[in-house]
N, C-alpha and C. Protein backbone atom coordinates (compact mmCIF):
# COMPACT_ATOMS: atom_id res chain seq x y z
N MET A 1 0.84 -1.19 0.00
CA MET A 1 0.00 0.00 0.00
C MET A 1 0.88 1.25 0.00
N PRO A 2 0.65 2.20 -0.92
CA PRO A 2 1.51 3.39 -0.99
C PRO A 2 1.36 4.26 0.25
N GLU A 3 2.45 4.94 0.60
CA GLU A 3 2.41 5.84 1.74
C GLU A 3 1.48 7.01 1.43
N SER A 4 0.72 7.43 2.44
CA SER A 4 -0.27 8.48 2.24
C SER A 4 0.25 9.83 2.75
N ILE A 5 0.00 10.86 1.96
CA ILE A 5 0.48 12.20 2.28
C ILE A 5 -0.67 13.19 2.13
N LEU A 6 -0.82 14.05 3.13
CA LEU A 6 -1.81 15.11 3.08
C LEU A 6 -1.08 16.43 2.86
N ILE A 7 -1.43 17.14 1.79
CA ILE A 7 -0.79 18.41 1.44
C ILE A 7 -1.71 19.54 1.89
N VAL A 8 -1.20 20.40 2.77
CA VAL A 8 -2.02 21.48 3.33
C VAL A 8 -1.39 22.82 2.97
N ASP A 9 -2.03 23.55 2.07
CA ASP A 9 -1.52 24.85 1.63
C ASP A 9 -2.66 25.65 1.03
N ASP A 10 -2.69 26.95 1.31
CA ASP A 10 -3.79 27.77 0.78
C ASP A 10 -3.55 28.21 -0.65
N GLU A 11 -2.35 27.99 -1.18
CA GLU A 11 -2.06 28.33 -2.58
C GLU A 11 -2.45 27.14 -3.46
N GLU A 12 -3.54 27.28 -4.18
CA GLU A 12 -4.08 26.16 -4.94
C GLU A 12 -3.10 25.64 -5.98
N THR A 13 -2.43 26.55 -6.70
CA THR A 13 -1.51 26.12 -7.74
C THR A 13 -0.38 25.28 -7.17
N LEU A 14 0.20 25.75 -6.07
CA LEU A 14 1.29 25.00 -5.44
C LEU A 14 0.77 23.68 -4.90
N ARG A 15 -0.38 23.72 -4.28
CA ARG A 15 -0.97 22.51 -3.68
C ARG A 15 -1.19 21.43 -4.75
N LEU A 16 -1.75 21.82 -5.86
CA LEU A 16 -2.05 20.85 -6.92
C LEU A 16 -0.80 20.38 -7.63
N SER A 17 0.20 21.25 -7.77
CA SER A 17 1.44 20.84 -8.43
C SER A 17 2.20 19.83 -7.58
N MET A 18 2.20 20.04 -6.25
CA MET A 18 2.85 19.07 -5.36
C MET A 18 2.11 17.74 -5.39
N LYS A 19 0.80 17.80 -5.42
CA LYS A 19 0.00 16.57 -5.48
C LYS A 19 0.33 15.78 -6.75
N ALA A 20 0.38 16.49 -7.89
CA ALA A 20 0.67 15.81 -9.16
C ALA A 20 2.04 15.15 -9.13
N ARG A 21 3.03 15.86 -8.58
CA ARG A 21 4.39 15.31 -8.55
C ARG A 21 4.48 14.10 -7.61
N LEU A 22 3.81 14.18 -6.48
CA LEU A 22 3.86 13.07 -5.53
C LEU A 22 3.05 11.87 -6.00
N ASP A 23 1.96 12.13 -6.71
CA ASP A 23 1.18 11.02 -7.29
C ASP A 23 2.04 10.25 -8.30
N VAL A 24 2.77 10.99 -9.13
CA VAL A 24 3.64 10.35 -10.12
C VAL A 24 4.74 9.53 -9.43
N ALA A 25 5.20 10.03 -8.27
CA ALA A 25 6.26 9.34 -7.53
C ALA A 25 5.75 8.11 -6.78
N GLY A 26 4.44 7.89 -6.79
CA GLY A 26 3.90 6.67 -6.19
C GLY A 26 3.26 6.84 -4.83
N PHE A 27 3.15 8.09 -4.36
CA PHE A 27 2.48 8.32 -3.09
C PHE A 27 0.97 8.42 -3.30
N SER A 28 0.23 8.19 -2.23
CA SER A 28 -1.22 8.40 -2.24
C SER A 28 -1.48 9.73 -1.55
N THR A 29 -2.06 10.70 -2.27
CA THR A 29 -2.15 12.06 -1.72
C THR A 29 -3.57 12.59 -1.68
N GLU A 30 -3.79 13.47 -0.71
CA GLU A 30 -4.99 14.30 -0.66
C GLU A 30 -4.56 15.71 -0.29
N THR A 31 -5.47 16.68 -0.45
CA THR A 31 -5.10 18.07 -0.18
C THR A 31 -6.12 18.74 0.72
N ALA A 32 -5.67 19.82 1.36
CA ALA A 32 -6.54 20.69 2.16
C ALA A 32 -5.96 22.09 2.07
N ASP A 33 -6.82 23.11 2.22
CA ASP A 33 -6.31 24.48 2.06
C ASP A 33 -6.11 25.22 3.38
N ASN A 34 -6.35 24.57 4.53
CA ASN A 34 -6.03 25.16 5.83
C ASN A 34 -6.01 24.08 6.90
N GLY A 35 -5.61 24.49 8.10
CA GLY A 35 -5.47 23.52 9.17
C GLY A 35 -6.76 22.86 9.58
N GLU A 36 -7.83 23.61 9.59
CA GLU A 36 -9.12 23.04 9.98
C GLU A 36 -9.56 21.94 9.03
N GLU A 37 -9.43 22.20 7.73
CA GLU A 37 -9.82 21.17 6.76
C GLU A 37 -8.91 19.95 6.88
N ALA A 38 -7.64 20.19 7.14
CA ALA A 38 -6.70 19.07 7.29
C ALA A 38 -7.10 18.18 8.47
N LEU A 39 -7.43 18.78 9.59
CA LEU A 39 -7.85 18.00 10.75
C LEU A 39 -9.14 17.25 10.48
N GLY A 40 -10.03 17.86 9.71
CA GLY A 40 -11.26 17.18 9.34
C GLY A 40 -10.99 15.94 8.51
N LYS A 41 -10.03 16.03 7.59
CA LYS A 41 -9.71 14.87 6.75
C LYS A 41 -9.03 13.76 7.55
N MET A 42 -8.32 14.13 8.61
CA MET A 42 -7.67 13.12 9.43
C MET A 42 -8.67 12.27 10.20
N LYS A 43 -9.88 12.76 10.41
CA LYS A 43 -10.88 12.00 11.14
C LYS A 43 -11.31 10.75 10.36
N GLY A 44 -11.25 10.83 9.04
CA GLY A 44 -11.65 9.69 8.24
C GLY A 44 -10.50 8.83 7.77
N ARG A 45 -9.28 9.40 7.84
CA ARG A 45 -8.12 8.66 7.33
C ARG A 45 -6.86 9.24 7.94
N GLU A 46 -6.10 8.42 8.62
CA GLU A 46 -4.86 8.91 9.21
C GLU A 46 -3.72 8.76 8.21
N PHE A 47 -3.01 9.86 7.94
CA PHE A 47 -1.96 9.89 6.93
C PHE A 47 -0.60 9.60 7.54
N ASP A 48 0.32 9.13 6.70
CA ASP A 48 1.69 8.89 7.16
C ASP A 48 2.42 10.22 7.38
N VAL A 49 2.28 11.13 6.42
CA VAL A 49 2.99 12.41 6.47
C VAL A 49 2.03 13.53 6.09
N VAL A 50 2.16 14.67 6.77
CA VAL A 50 1.42 15.88 6.40
C VAL A 50 2.41 16.95 6.00
N LEU A 51 2.25 17.49 4.79
CA LEU A 51 3.02 18.66 4.34
C LEU A 51 2.19 19.88 4.69
N MET A 52 2.67 20.71 5.60
CA MET A 52 1.87 21.78 6.18
C MET A 52 2.50 23.16 5.96
N ASP A 53 1.77 24.04 5.27
CA ASP A 53 2.22 25.41 5.13
C ASP A 53 2.13 26.12 6.48
N ILE A 54 3.05 27.03 6.75
CA ILE A 54 3.03 27.73 8.03
C ILE A 54 1.98 28.83 8.04
N LYS A 55 1.95 29.65 6.97
CA LYS A 55 1.04 30.79 6.94
C LYS A 55 -0.17 30.47 6.07
N MET A 56 -1.34 30.35 6.72
CA MET A 56 -2.58 30.08 6.01
C MET A 56 -3.71 30.85 6.69
N PRO A 57 -4.75 31.21 5.95
CA PRO A 57 -5.91 31.85 6.59
C PRO A 57 -6.64 30.86 7.48
N GLY A 58 -7.36 31.38 8.48
CA GLY A 58 -8.03 30.49 9.40
C GLY A 58 -7.01 29.87 10.34
N MET A 59 -7.05 28.55 10.49
CA MET A 59 -6.08 27.88 11.33
C MET A 59 -4.76 27.75 10.60
N GLY A 60 -3.74 28.43 11.10
CA GLY A 60 -2.43 28.39 10.48
C GLY A 60 -1.67 27.12 10.79
N GLY A 61 -0.48 27.02 10.22
CA GLY A 61 0.31 25.80 10.35
C GLY A 61 0.79 25.49 11.75
N ILE A 62 1.20 26.51 12.50
CA ILE A 62 1.72 26.27 13.83
C ILE A 62 0.64 25.75 14.77
N GLU A 63 -0.53 26.37 14.73
CA GLU A 63 -1.63 25.89 15.56
C GLU A 63 -2.02 24.47 15.17
N ALA A 64 -2.09 24.23 13.86
CA ALA A 64 -2.44 22.89 13.39
C ALA A 64 -1.38 21.87 13.80
N LEU A 65 -0.10 22.26 13.76
CA LEU A 65 0.98 21.36 14.17
C LEU A 65 0.81 20.92 15.60
N ARG A 66 0.49 21.84 16.49
CA ARG A 66 0.27 21.48 17.89
C ARG A 66 -0.86 20.47 18.03
N LEU A 67 -1.94 20.68 17.28
CA LEU A 67 -3.07 19.76 17.37
C LEU A 67 -2.74 18.40 16.77
N PHE A 68 -2.01 18.40 15.66
CA PHE A 68 -1.62 17.13 15.05
C PHE A 68 -0.76 16.32 16.01
N ASN A 69 0.20 16.97 16.68
CA ASN A 69 1.06 16.27 17.63
C ASN A 69 0.25 15.68 18.78
N GLU A 70 -0.79 16.38 19.19
CA GLU A 70 -1.61 15.92 20.30
C GLU A 70 -2.57 14.81 19.89
N LEU A 71 -3.22 14.99 18.72
CA LEU A 71 -4.28 14.06 18.31
C LEU A 71 -3.77 12.90 17.46
N TYR A 72 -2.72 13.14 16.68
CA TYR A 72 -2.22 12.11 15.75
C TYR A 72 -0.70 12.00 15.86
N PRO A 73 -0.21 11.54 16.99
CA PRO A 73 1.25 11.49 17.20
C PRO A 73 2.00 10.55 16.27
N LYS A 74 1.31 9.63 15.63
CA LYS A 74 1.98 8.71 14.71
C LYS A 74 2.15 9.29 13.32
N THR A 75 1.58 10.47 13.07
CA THR A 75 1.70 11.12 11.77
C THR A 75 2.85 12.13 11.81
N ASP A 76 3.76 12.06 10.86
CA ASP A 76 4.87 13.00 10.78
C ASP A 76 4.41 14.27 10.05
N VAL A 77 4.80 15.43 10.57
CA VAL A 77 4.45 16.71 9.96
C VAL A 77 5.71 17.38 9.44
N VAL A 78 5.66 17.79 8.17
CA VAL A 78 6.75 18.53 7.53
C VAL A 78 6.21 19.91 7.17
N MET A 79 6.88 20.95 7.63
CA MET A 79 6.38 22.31 7.43
C MET A 79 6.89 22.90 6.12
N LEU A 80 6.06 23.71 5.49
CA LEU A 80 6.42 24.44 4.27
C LEU A 80 6.56 25.91 4.63
N THR A 81 7.70 26.51 4.29
CA THR A 81 7.98 27.87 4.69
C THR A 81 8.57 28.70 3.57
N GLY A 82 8.39 30.02 3.64
CA GLY A 82 9.00 30.93 2.69
C GLY A 82 10.42 31.25 3.12
N PHE A 83 11.17 31.92 2.26
CA PHE A 83 12.57 32.23 2.55
C PHE A 83 12.72 33.08 3.82
N ALA A 84 11.74 33.93 4.11
CA ALA A 84 11.86 34.85 5.24
C ALA A 84 11.43 34.22 6.56
N ASP A 85 11.06 32.95 6.57
CA ASP A 85 10.47 32.33 7.76
C ASP A 85 11.35 31.26 8.39
N PHE A 86 12.68 31.37 8.21
CA PHE A 86 13.54 30.31 8.75
C PHE A 86 13.42 30.20 10.26
N SER A 87 13.36 31.33 10.96
CA SER A 87 13.26 31.28 12.42
C SER A 87 11.97 30.59 12.85
N THR A 88 10.89 30.83 12.11
CA THR A 88 9.61 30.18 12.41
C THR A 88 9.71 28.68 12.14
N ALA A 89 10.41 28.32 11.06
CA ALA A 89 10.57 26.90 10.74
C ALA A 89 11.34 26.18 11.84
N ILE A 90 12.38 26.82 12.38
CA ILE A 90 13.14 26.21 13.47
C ILE A 90 12.25 26.03 14.70
N GLU A 91 11.39 27.01 14.95
CA GLU A 91 10.46 26.91 16.06
C GLU A 91 9.52 25.73 15.88
N CYS A 92 9.11 25.49 14.62
CA CYS A 92 8.24 24.35 14.33
C CYS A 92 8.94 23.02 14.64
N LEU A 93 10.24 22.95 14.36
CA LEU A 93 10.99 21.74 14.68
C LEU A 93 10.98 21.51 16.20
N LYS A 94 11.10 22.58 16.96
CA LYS A 94 11.06 22.46 18.41
C LYS A 94 9.68 22.00 18.89
N LEU A 95 8.65 22.33 18.12
CA LEU A 95 7.29 21.95 18.49
C LEU A 95 6.93 20.53 18.04
N GLY A 96 7.84 19.88 17.31
CA GLY A 96 7.59 18.49 16.95
C GLY A 96 7.55 18.18 15.47
N ALA A 97 7.71 19.20 14.60
CA ALA A 97 7.75 18.91 13.16
C ALA A 97 8.98 18.07 12.84
N LYS A 98 8.87 17.15 11.88
CA LYS A 98 9.98 16.28 11.52
C LYS A 98 10.98 16.96 10.60
N ASP A 99 10.51 17.94 9.82
CA ASP A 99 11.38 18.58 8.84
C ASP A 99 10.67 19.84 8.33
N TYR A 100 11.37 20.63 7.52
CA TYR A 100 10.72 21.75 6.83
C TYR A 100 11.33 21.89 5.44
N MET A 101 10.54 22.43 4.52
CA MET A 101 10.98 22.68 3.15
C MET A 101 10.67 24.13 2.79
N VAL A 102 11.58 24.70 1.99
CA VAL A 102 11.44 26.11 1.62
C VAL A 102 10.72 26.22 0.28
N LYS A 103 9.71 27.08 0.24
CA LYS A 103 8.99 27.33 -1.01
C LYS A 103 9.71 28.39 -1.83
N PRO A 104 9.68 28.29 -3.17
CA PRO A 104 9.03 27.22 -3.94
C PRO A 104 9.78 25.90 -3.79
N VAL A 105 9.03 24.84 -3.58
CA VAL A 105 9.61 23.53 -3.27
C VAL A 105 10.15 22.89 -4.54
N ASP A 106 11.42 22.45 -4.47
CA ASP A 106 12.00 21.70 -5.58
C ASP A 106 11.40 20.30 -5.59
N ALA A 107 10.79 19.92 -6.69
CA ALA A 107 10.04 18.66 -6.74
C ALA A 107 10.92 17.44 -6.48
N THR A 108 12.12 17.43 -7.08
CA THR A 108 13.01 16.28 -6.90
C THR A 108 13.46 16.15 -5.45
N GLU A 109 13.82 17.29 -4.86
CA GLU A 109 14.24 17.28 -3.46
C GLU A 109 13.08 16.86 -2.55
N MET A 110 11.88 17.35 -2.85
CA MET A 110 10.72 17.00 -2.04
C MET A 110 10.49 15.50 -2.02
N VAL A 111 10.52 14.87 -3.19
CA VAL A 111 10.30 13.43 -3.28
C VAL A 111 11.39 12.67 -2.53
N ALA A 112 12.64 13.11 -2.69
CA ALA A 112 13.76 12.42 -2.05
C ALA A 112 13.65 12.51 -0.53
N ARG A 113 13.31 13.68 -0.03
CA ARG A 113 13.24 13.86 1.43
C ARG A 113 12.04 13.12 2.02
N LEU A 114 10.94 13.09 1.29
CA LEU A 114 9.78 12.35 1.79
C LEU A 114 10.05 10.85 1.79
N ARG A 115 10.73 10.36 0.76
CA ARG A 115 11.07 8.94 0.73
C ARG A 115 12.00 8.58 1.88
N SER A 116 12.94 9.46 2.18
CA SER A 116 13.85 9.24 3.30
C SER A 116 13.08 9.20 4.61
N LEU A 117 12.11 10.11 4.75
CA LEU A 117 11.30 10.14 5.97
C LEU A 117 10.46 8.88 6.09
N VAL A 118 9.90 8.43 4.98
CA VAL A 118 9.08 7.22 4.98
C VAL A 118 9.94 6.00 5.34
N ARG A 119 11.17 5.94 4.81
CA ARG A 119 12.06 4.83 5.16
C ARG A 119 12.35 4.82 6.65
N SER A 120 12.53 6.00 7.23
CA SER A 120 12.77 6.08 8.67
C SER A 120 11.56 5.58 9.44
N ARG A 121 10.34 5.94 8.96
CA ARG A 121 9.12 5.47 9.60
C ARG A 121 9.03 3.95 9.52
N THR A 122 9.38 3.40 8.35
CA THR A 122 9.31 1.94 8.16
C THR A 122 10.30 1.25 9.09
N SER A 123 11.51 1.80 9.21
CA SER A 123 12.51 1.20 10.10
C SER A 123 12.06 1.28 11.55
N GLU A 124 11.45 2.39 11.92
CA GLU A 124 10.97 2.54 13.29
C GLU A 124 9.86 1.54 13.58
N ARG A 125 8.94 1.35 12.61
CA ARG A 125 7.87 0.38 12.81
C ARG A 125 8.44 -1.03 12.95
N ALA A 126 9.47 -1.35 12.15
CA ALA A 126 10.09 -2.67 12.24
C ALA A 126 10.74 -2.87 13.60
N LEU A 127 11.38 -1.82 14.11
CA LEU A 127 12.00 -1.91 15.43
C LEU A 127 10.94 -2.11 16.51
N GLN A 128 9.84 -1.37 16.41
CA GLN A 128 8.76 -1.53 17.38
C GLN A 128 8.18 -2.94 17.34
N GLU A 129 8.05 -3.48 16.15
CA GLU A 129 7.53 -4.85 16.01
C GLU A 129 8.47 -5.86 16.65
N THR A 130 9.79 -5.65 16.47
CA THR A 130 10.77 -6.53 17.08
C THR A 130 10.69 -6.45 18.60
N ARG A 131 10.55 -5.23 19.11
CA ARG A 131 10.42 -5.05 20.55
C ARG A 131 9.16 -5.73 21.08
N ARG A 132 8.05 -5.56 20.35
CA ARG A 132 6.80 -6.20 20.78
C ARG A 132 6.95 -7.71 20.82
N ASN A 133 7.57 -8.28 19.78
CA ASN A 133 7.74 -9.73 19.73
C ASN A 133 8.62 -10.22 20.88
N PHE A 134 9.68 -9.46 21.15
CA PHE A 134 10.59 -9.85 22.23
C PHE A 134 9.90 -9.79 23.58
N LEU A 135 9.16 -8.72 23.81
CA LEU A 135 8.47 -8.57 25.10
C LEU A 135 7.36 -9.60 25.26
N SER A 136 6.67 -9.91 24.16
CA SER A 136 5.66 -10.96 24.23
C SER A 136 6.29 -12.31 24.57
N MET A 137 7.47 -12.54 24.01
CA MET A 137 8.20 -13.78 24.31
C MET A 137 8.52 -13.85 25.80
N ILE A 138 8.94 -12.70 26.37
CA ILE A 138 9.27 -12.68 27.80
C ILE A 138 8.04 -13.05 28.63
N TYR A 139 6.91 -12.46 28.28
CA TYR A 139 5.71 -12.70 29.07
C TYR A 139 5.18 -14.11 28.89
N ILE A 140 5.12 -14.57 27.65
CA ILE A 140 4.52 -15.87 27.39
C ILE A 140 5.46 -17.01 27.76
N ASP A 141 6.76 -16.87 27.40
CA ASP A 141 7.70 -17.97 27.57
C ASP A 141 8.39 -17.97 28.93
N LEU A 142 8.41 -16.83 29.62
CA LEU A 142 9.12 -16.77 30.89
C LEU A 142 8.21 -16.55 32.09
N LEU A 143 7.35 -15.56 32.02
CA LEU A 143 6.56 -15.22 33.20
C LEU A 143 5.61 -16.35 33.60
N GLY A 144 4.92 -16.93 32.62
CA GLY A 144 3.99 -18.03 32.93
C GLY A 144 4.67 -19.20 33.60
N PRO A 145 5.75 -19.76 33.00
CA PRO A 145 6.45 -20.87 33.65
C PRO A 145 7.04 -20.51 35.00
N LEU A 146 7.52 -19.28 35.16
CA LEU A 146 8.06 -18.87 36.46
C LEU A 146 6.98 -18.89 37.54
N LYS A 147 5.80 -18.44 37.19
CA LYS A 147 4.70 -18.46 38.16
C LYS A 147 4.31 -19.89 38.51
N SER A 148 4.30 -20.76 37.50
CA SER A 148 3.98 -22.17 37.77
C SER A 148 5.03 -22.81 38.67
N THR A 149 6.30 -22.49 38.42
CA THR A 149 7.38 -23.02 39.24
C THR A 149 7.26 -22.51 40.67
N ARG A 150 6.94 -21.22 40.82
CA ARG A 150 6.76 -20.66 42.16
C ARG A 150 5.66 -21.38 42.92
N GLU A 151 4.54 -21.62 42.24
CA GLU A 151 3.42 -22.30 42.90
C GLU A 151 3.80 -23.72 43.31
N SER A 152 4.57 -24.41 42.44
CA SER A 152 4.99 -25.77 42.78
C SER A 152 5.91 -25.78 43.98
N LEU A 153 6.86 -24.84 44.02
CA LEU A 153 7.79 -24.77 45.14
C LEU A 153 7.05 -24.43 46.44
N GLU A 154 6.13 -23.50 46.36
CA GLU A 154 5.35 -23.15 47.55
C GLU A 154 4.56 -24.34 48.05
N ARG A 155 4.00 -25.10 47.12
CA ARG A 155 3.17 -26.25 47.49
C ARG A 155 4.02 -27.33 48.18
N VAL A 156 5.21 -27.57 47.62
CA VAL A 156 6.09 -28.59 48.21
C VAL A 156 6.53 -28.17 49.61
N LEU A 157 6.96 -26.92 49.75
CA LEU A 157 7.43 -26.44 51.04
C LEU A 157 6.33 -26.43 52.10
N LYS A 158 5.10 -26.16 51.66
CA LYS A 158 3.98 -26.10 52.59
C LYS A 158 3.42 -27.47 52.92
N SER A 159 3.40 -28.37 51.95
CA SER A 159 2.71 -29.66 52.12
C SER A 159 3.59 -30.76 52.69
N TYR A 160 4.91 -30.67 52.45
CA TYR A 160 5.77 -31.80 52.87
C TYR A 160 6.97 -31.34 53.71
N PRO A 161 6.78 -30.47 54.66
CA PRO A 161 7.95 -30.00 55.43
C PRO A 161 8.62 -31.11 56.23
N SER A 162 7.82 -32.03 56.72
CA SER A 162 8.41 -33.10 57.55
C SER A 162 9.20 -34.11 56.74
N LYS A 163 8.94 -34.19 55.47
CA LYS A 163 9.63 -35.15 54.61
C LYS A 163 10.90 -34.58 53.99
N LEU A 164 11.16 -33.30 54.21
CA LEU A 164 12.32 -32.66 53.61
C LEU A 164 13.42 -32.46 54.65
N LYS A 165 14.64 -32.75 54.25
CA LYS A 165 15.77 -32.47 55.10
C LYS A 165 16.00 -30.95 55.15
N ALA A 166 16.74 -30.52 56.12
CA ALA A 166 16.98 -29.08 56.30
C ALA A 166 17.64 -28.47 55.07
N ASP A 167 18.67 -29.19 54.54
CA ASP A 167 19.36 -28.63 53.37
C ASP A 167 18.45 -28.62 52.15
N GLN A 168 17.53 -29.59 52.03
CA GLN A 168 16.57 -29.60 50.92
C GLN A 168 15.60 -28.42 51.04
N GLN A 169 15.15 -28.16 52.26
CA GLN A 169 14.26 -27.02 52.47
C GLN A 169 14.96 -25.71 52.11
N GLU A 170 16.23 -25.62 52.48
CA GLU A 170 17.00 -24.41 52.18
C GLU A 170 17.16 -24.22 50.66
N GLU A 171 17.44 -25.32 49.96
CA GLU A 171 17.60 -25.23 48.51
C GLU A 171 16.29 -24.84 47.83
N LEU A 172 15.19 -25.44 48.28
CA LEU A 172 13.89 -25.11 47.70
C LEU A 172 13.51 -23.66 48.01
N ALA A 173 13.81 -23.23 49.23
CA ALA A 173 13.51 -21.84 49.61
C ALA A 173 14.33 -20.87 48.77
N ALA A 174 15.60 -21.22 48.50
CA ALA A 174 16.44 -20.37 47.67
C ALA A 174 15.91 -20.31 46.24
N ALA A 175 15.47 -21.47 45.72
CA ALA A 175 14.90 -21.50 44.37
C ALA A 175 13.63 -20.65 44.30
N LEU A 176 12.81 -20.74 45.36
CA LEU A 176 11.59 -19.94 45.41
C LEU A 176 11.92 -18.45 45.45
N ALA A 177 12.95 -18.08 46.20
CA ALA A 177 13.36 -16.67 46.27
C ALA A 177 13.82 -16.17 44.91
N HIS A 178 14.55 -17.03 44.17
CA HIS A 178 15.00 -16.65 42.82
C HIS A 178 13.80 -16.44 41.89
N CYS A 179 12.81 -17.32 41.99
CA CYS A 179 11.59 -17.17 41.17
C CYS A 179 10.90 -15.86 41.48
N GLU A 180 10.75 -15.58 42.78
CA GLU A 180 10.09 -14.34 43.21
C GLU A 180 10.85 -13.13 42.66
N LYS A 181 12.17 -13.20 42.71
CA LYS A 181 12.99 -12.07 42.24
C LYS A 181 12.80 -11.85 40.74
N MET A 182 12.80 -12.93 39.95
CA MET A 182 12.63 -12.81 38.50
C MET A 182 11.23 -12.32 38.15
N ILE A 183 10.22 -12.85 38.83
CA ILE A 183 8.84 -12.41 38.58
C ILE A 183 8.70 -10.93 38.91
N SER A 184 9.31 -10.49 40.00
CA SER A 184 9.24 -9.09 40.40
C SER A 184 9.90 -8.20 39.36
N ARG A 185 11.03 -8.64 38.82
CA ARG A 185 11.72 -7.85 37.80
C ARG A 185 10.88 -7.71 36.54
N ILE A 186 10.28 -8.82 36.11
CA ILE A 186 9.46 -8.78 34.90
C ILE A 186 8.24 -7.91 35.11
N GLN A 187 7.62 -8.00 36.28
CA GLN A 187 6.43 -7.20 36.54
C GLN A 187 6.77 -5.71 36.69
N SER A 188 7.96 -5.40 37.19
CA SER A 188 8.40 -4.01 37.25
C SER A 188 8.59 -3.46 35.85
N MET A 189 9.15 -4.28 34.97
CA MET A 189 9.32 -3.89 33.58
C MET A 189 7.96 -3.69 32.92
N ASP A 190 6.99 -4.49 33.32
CA ASP A 190 5.63 -4.38 32.79
C ASP A 190 5.06 -2.99 33.05
N GLU A 191 5.28 -2.46 34.25
CA GLU A 191 4.76 -1.13 34.58
C GLU A 191 5.39 -0.07 33.70
N GLU A 192 6.68 -0.21 33.40
CA GLU A 192 7.35 0.75 32.52
C GLU A 192 6.81 0.65 31.10
N ILE A 193 6.56 -0.58 30.65
CA ILE A 193 6.06 -0.79 29.29
C ILE A 193 4.67 -0.18 29.13
N LYS A 194 3.83 -0.31 30.16
CA LYS A 194 2.48 0.22 30.09
C LYS A 194 2.47 1.73 29.87
N GLN A 195 3.54 2.41 30.29
CA GLN A 195 3.63 3.85 30.11
C GLN A 195 4.07 4.23 28.70
N ASP A 196 4.52 3.24 27.92
CA ASP A 196 4.94 3.48 26.54
C ASP A 196 3.79 3.08 25.64
N SER A 197 3.05 4.08 25.11
CA SER A 197 1.86 3.80 24.31
C SER A 197 2.19 3.13 22.98
N SER A 198 3.46 3.15 22.56
CA SER A 198 3.83 2.54 21.28
C SER A 198 3.96 1.02 21.39
N LEU A 199 3.93 0.50 22.61
CA LEU A 199 4.11 -0.93 22.80
C LEU A 199 2.82 -1.57 23.30
N GLU A 200 2.22 -2.37 22.44
CA GLU A 200 1.04 -3.13 22.82
C GLU A 200 1.42 -4.60 22.73
N ILE A 201 1.55 -5.26 23.87
CA ILE A 201 2.01 -6.64 23.86
C ILE A 201 0.99 -7.54 24.55
N GLU A 202 1.06 -8.81 24.20
CA GLU A 202 0.18 -9.81 24.80
C GLU A 202 0.70 -10.18 26.17
N ARG A 203 -0.19 -10.17 27.16
CA ARG A 203 0.20 -10.53 28.53
C ARG A 203 -0.64 -11.70 29.01
N PRO A 204 -0.03 -12.67 29.70
CA PRO A 204 -0.81 -13.76 30.29
C PRO A 204 -1.59 -13.24 31.47
N SER A 205 -2.63 -13.94 31.88
CA SER A 205 -3.39 -13.55 33.05
C SER A 205 -2.52 -13.71 34.29
N ARG A 206 -2.71 -12.80 35.22
CA ARG A 206 -1.88 -12.84 36.43
C ARG A 206 -2.47 -13.83 37.43
């Protein structure tokens, strides 16, 4: 599926020319002429990248950028700026924009930079998937068996104390302590993971 790009600019000629060039390059594009319209289009379809002009009537680019970061954090925003707006463009980067381009936008450079950004997004998604798989492995392959082992050790120590020698009880108690320590470490990591909204992993029942 081609990467989707939303072009937001109040200059119709520029907006349509960028759309035509990106369509030819293989992107899936839509357009909007201000921030409000762009946010409206995001309600029906979340885009990979938004090309956002800074100065527009109605909701301008900076205000829209703040809302995009809040409502659609997985969408990358690239700002479009005039030659006299470099300081504003730098401010946009501080506010969370991934990049900025100077108008009039060079079509070849635009395509190259967007492809580079998309590759970075793809690599990041692959890394997140690897992390999810690894963490799921920890929970499914380690936490479950550790809990079962803990229950078995507790049952033996509780049910057969008279049949165990002192050194056997000590060894079983030490093994139980190791299980408790490992379970505690994994569960502590679980709390940290829950705070990372980018990681959704499968967890066994506690």
